[in-house]
Amino acid sequence: MKGDKSVACLFASFFYTGYLPYAPGTWASLVAVILWFIIPWNSLLFRLSLIFAVLLIGTFVSGIVEKRSGEIDPSLIVIDEVAGMWLTLALLPTITFPENIGRIIFAFLAFRFFDILKVPPIKKLESIHGGLGIMLDDIMAGIYAGTLVNIFTLVF
């Protein structure tokens, strides 16, 4: 899989971010945060449409790359982290950079926490075979992370 230059691998690895050594999912999540704040269109509808498009494309290409690799959810597939991190940020519609850097860092850490630990039902979603399972566990991690940051913001 290392030398795979297919379009499916390009997207599944989020433009080869998934090939970075040591924690490619964390690198992809960081790239996702940076991209979220440099995308010039600050419309929630546009951003939700973008997340939906990444979810659809990610489901398709992740399934292809998983099948080709012969591994279940290979670490080079990181488009799921991008979708999950973007969903986390979409659930925080008033967040801006650099004014809310603390909340942004908290959102990043919360997403990585839920994505890595796979608290229920995230683990169950991961057991769904193919690209859908690869994508859905990170979508749920994004929902958990966004919810946690919102609750924390309301309480504190």
Protein backbone atom coordinates (compact mmCIF):
# COMPACT_ATOMS: atom_id res chain seq x y z
CA MET A 1 0.00 0.00 0.00
CA LYS A 2 2.93 2.38 0.57
CA GLY A 3 3.41 2.96 -3.15
CA ASP A 4 -0.29 3.22 -4.00
CA LYS A 5 -0.81 6.36 -6.09
CA SER A 6 -4.47 5.71 -6.90
CA VAL A 7 -7.12 8.38 -6.59
CA ALA A 8 -8.83 6.28 -3.89
CA CYS A 9 -5.64 6.22 -1.83
CA LEU A 10 -5.05 9.95 -2.42
CA PHE A 11 -8.42 10.77 -0.84
CA ALA A 12 -8.49 8.01 1.80
CA SER A 13 -5.08 9.13 3.08
CA PHE A 14 -6.23 12.76 2.82
CA PHE A 15 -3.61 13.74 0.27
CA TYR A 16 -1.05 11.34 1.77
CA THR A 17 -1.31 12.70 5.32
CA GLY A 18 -2.03 9.10 6.33
CA TYR A 19 1.51 8.15 5.34
CA LEU A 20 3.08 10.41 7.98
CA PRO A 21 4.90 8.40 10.64
CA TYR A 22 3.70 8.22 14.23
CA ALA A 23 0.00 8.80 14.75
CA PRO A 24 -1.27 9.62 11.24
CA GLY A 25 -4.80 10.10 12.62
CA THR A 26 -3.57 12.85 14.93
CA TRP A 27 -1.74 14.55 12.05
CA ALA A 28 -4.88 14.37 9.91
CA SER A 29 -6.98 15.84 12.73
CA LEU A 30 -4.50 18.71 13.06
CA VAL A 31 -4.56 19.34 9.30
CA ALA A 32 -8.37 19.31 9.47
CA VAL A 33 -8.39 21.99 12.19
CA ILE A 34 -6.03 24.21 10.20
CA LEU A 35 -8.07 23.80 7.01
CA TRP A 36 -11.34 24.51 8.86
CA PHE A 37 -10.12 27.97 9.78
CA ILE A 38 -8.58 28.86 6.41
CA ILE A 39 -11.61 27.82 4.32
CA PRO A 40 -12.88 31.23 3.18
CA TRP A 41 -16.62 30.39 3.27
CA ASN A 42 -17.88 30.71 6.82
CA SER A 43 -21.39 29.48 6.09
CA LEU A 44 -22.58 26.64 8.34
CA LEU A 45 -24.59 25.23 5.42
CA PHE A 46 -21.46 25.18 3.22
CA ARG A 47 -19.41 23.54 5.97
CA LEU A 48 -22.06 20.88 6.69
CA SER A 49 -22.26 20.19 2.95
CA LEU A 50 -18.47 19.82 2.92
CA ILE A 51 -18.59 17.36 5.83
CA PHE A 52 -21.34 15.37 4.08
CA ALA A 53 -19.30 15.27 0.85
CA VAL A 54 -16.21 14.08 2.75
CA LEU A 55 -18.36 11.46 4.49
CA LEU A 56 -19.69 10.13 1.17
CA ILE A 57 -16.33 10.21 -0.61
CA GLY A 58 -14.58 8.82 2.46
CA THR A 59 -16.99 5.90 2.75
CA PHE A 60 -16.41 4.99 -0.87
CA VAL A 61 -12.61 5.36 -1.02
CA SER A 62 -12.01 3.88 2.43
CA GLY A 63 -13.81 0.72 1.42
CA ILE A 64 -11.67 0.44 -1.71
CA VAL A 65 -8.38 1.04 0.11
CA GLU A 66 -9.32 -1.31 2.95
CA LYS A 67 -10.13 -4.08 0.48
CA ARG A 68 -6.90 -3.54 -1.49
CA SER A 69 -4.75 -3.49 1.64
CA GLY A 70 -6.22 -6.65 3.10
CA GLU A 71 -6.25 -4.91 6.53
CA ILE A 72 -9.24 -3.80 8.55
CA ASP A 73 -9.18 0.02 8.80
CA PRO A 74 -5.51 0.51 7.85
CA SER A 75 -3.81 3.44 9.57
CA LEU A 76 -3.16 5.23 6.28
CA ILE A 77 -6.91 5.89 5.96
CA VAL A 78 -7.37 9.22 7.71
CA ILE A 79 -10.20 10.86 5.79
CA ASP A 80 -12.43 9.66 8.63
CA GLU A 81 -10.47 11.78 11.11
CA VAL A 82 -10.96 14.81 8.86
CA ALA A 83 -14.73 14.29 8.73
CA GLY A 84 -14.95 13.69 12.49
CA MET A 85 -12.80 16.68 13.41
CA TRP A 86 -14.76 18.94 11.06
CA LEU A 87 -18.02 17.74 12.59
CA THR A 88 -16.65 18.52 16.06
CA LEU A 89 -15.89 22.08 14.91
CA ALA A 90 -19.23 22.44 13.10
CA LEU A 91 -20.97 21.71 16.40
CA LEU A 92 -19.19 24.80 17.79
CA PRO A 93 -20.60 27.39 15.34
CA THR A 94 -19.43 30.47 17.26
CA ILE A 95 -15.82 29.35 17.51
CA THR A 96 -13.27 31.60 15.80
CA PHE A 97 -9.52 31.62 15.46
CA PRO A 98 -7.49 32.99 17.23
CA GLU A 99 -10.07 34.33 19.72
CA ASN A 100 -11.15 30.85 20.86
CA ILE A 101 -7.81 29.03 20.70
CA GLY A 102 -8.43 27.35 24.08
CA ARG A 103 -11.74 25.87 22.90
CA ILE A 104 -10.17 24.83 19.61
CA ILE A 105 -7.38 22.97 21.42
CA PHE A 106 -9.95 21.41 23.77
CA ALA A 107 -12.06 20.33 20.76
CA PHE A 108 -9.00 18.76 19.12
CA LEU A 109 -8.02 16.91 22.30
CA ALA A 110 -11.61 15.80 22.97
CA PHE A 111 -11.96 14.45 19.45
CA ARG A 112 -8.67 12.54 19.66
CA PHE A 113 -9.70 11.19 23.10
CA PHE A 114 -13.00 9.79 21.83
CA ASP A 115 -11.48 8.57 18.56
CA ILE A 116 -8.68 6.68 20.29
CA LEU A 117 -10.59 5.30 23.29
CA LYS A 118 -13.70 4.30 21.30
CA VAL A 119 -16.16 4.63 24.17
CA PRO A 120 -19.56 2.97 23.52
CA PRO A 121 -21.18 3.01 21.02
CA ILE A 122 -18.15 4.13 18.99
CA LYS A 123 -16.52 0.70 19.29
CA LYS A 124 -19.71 -0.94 18.01
CA LEU A 125 -19.77 1.35 14.94
CA GLU A 126 -16.17 0.46 14.19
CA SER A 127 -17.26 -3.17 13.83
CA ILE A 128 -19.37 -2.31 10.75
CA HIS A 129 -17.42 -3.66 7.79
CA GLY A 130 -16.06 -1.54 4.99
CA GLY A 131 -15.87 2.18 4.43
CA LEU A 132 -19.07 2.94 6.34
CA GLY A 133 -17.67 1.50 9.59
CA ILE A 134 -14.39 3.34 9.05
CA MET A 135 -16.22 6.65 8.74
CA LEU A 136 -19.03 6.25 11.29
CA ASP A 137 -16.89 5.70 14.38
CA ASP A 138 -15.15 9.02 13.76
CA ILE A 139 -18.46 10.78 13.09
CA MET A 140 -19.68 9.57 16.50
CA ALA A 141 -16.39 10.64 18.11
CA GLY A 142 -16.97 14.08 16.55
CA ILE A 143 -20.49 14.25 17.98
CA TYR A 144 -19.22 13.26 21.43
CA ALA A 145 -16.36 15.77 21.29
CA GLY A 146 -18.52 18.65 20.08
CA THR A 147 -21.13 17.89 22.73
CA LEU A 148 -18.49 17.73 25.48
CA VAL A 149 -16.95 21.07 24.48
CA ASN A 150 -20.39 22.70 24.35
CA ILE A 151 -21.33 21.35 27.80
CA PHE A 152 -17.98 22.41 29.21
CA THR A 153 -18.40 25.90 27.71
CA LEU A 154 -21.90 26.26 29.22
CA VAL A 155 -20.83 25.08 32.67
CA PHE A 156 -17.56 26.95 32.89
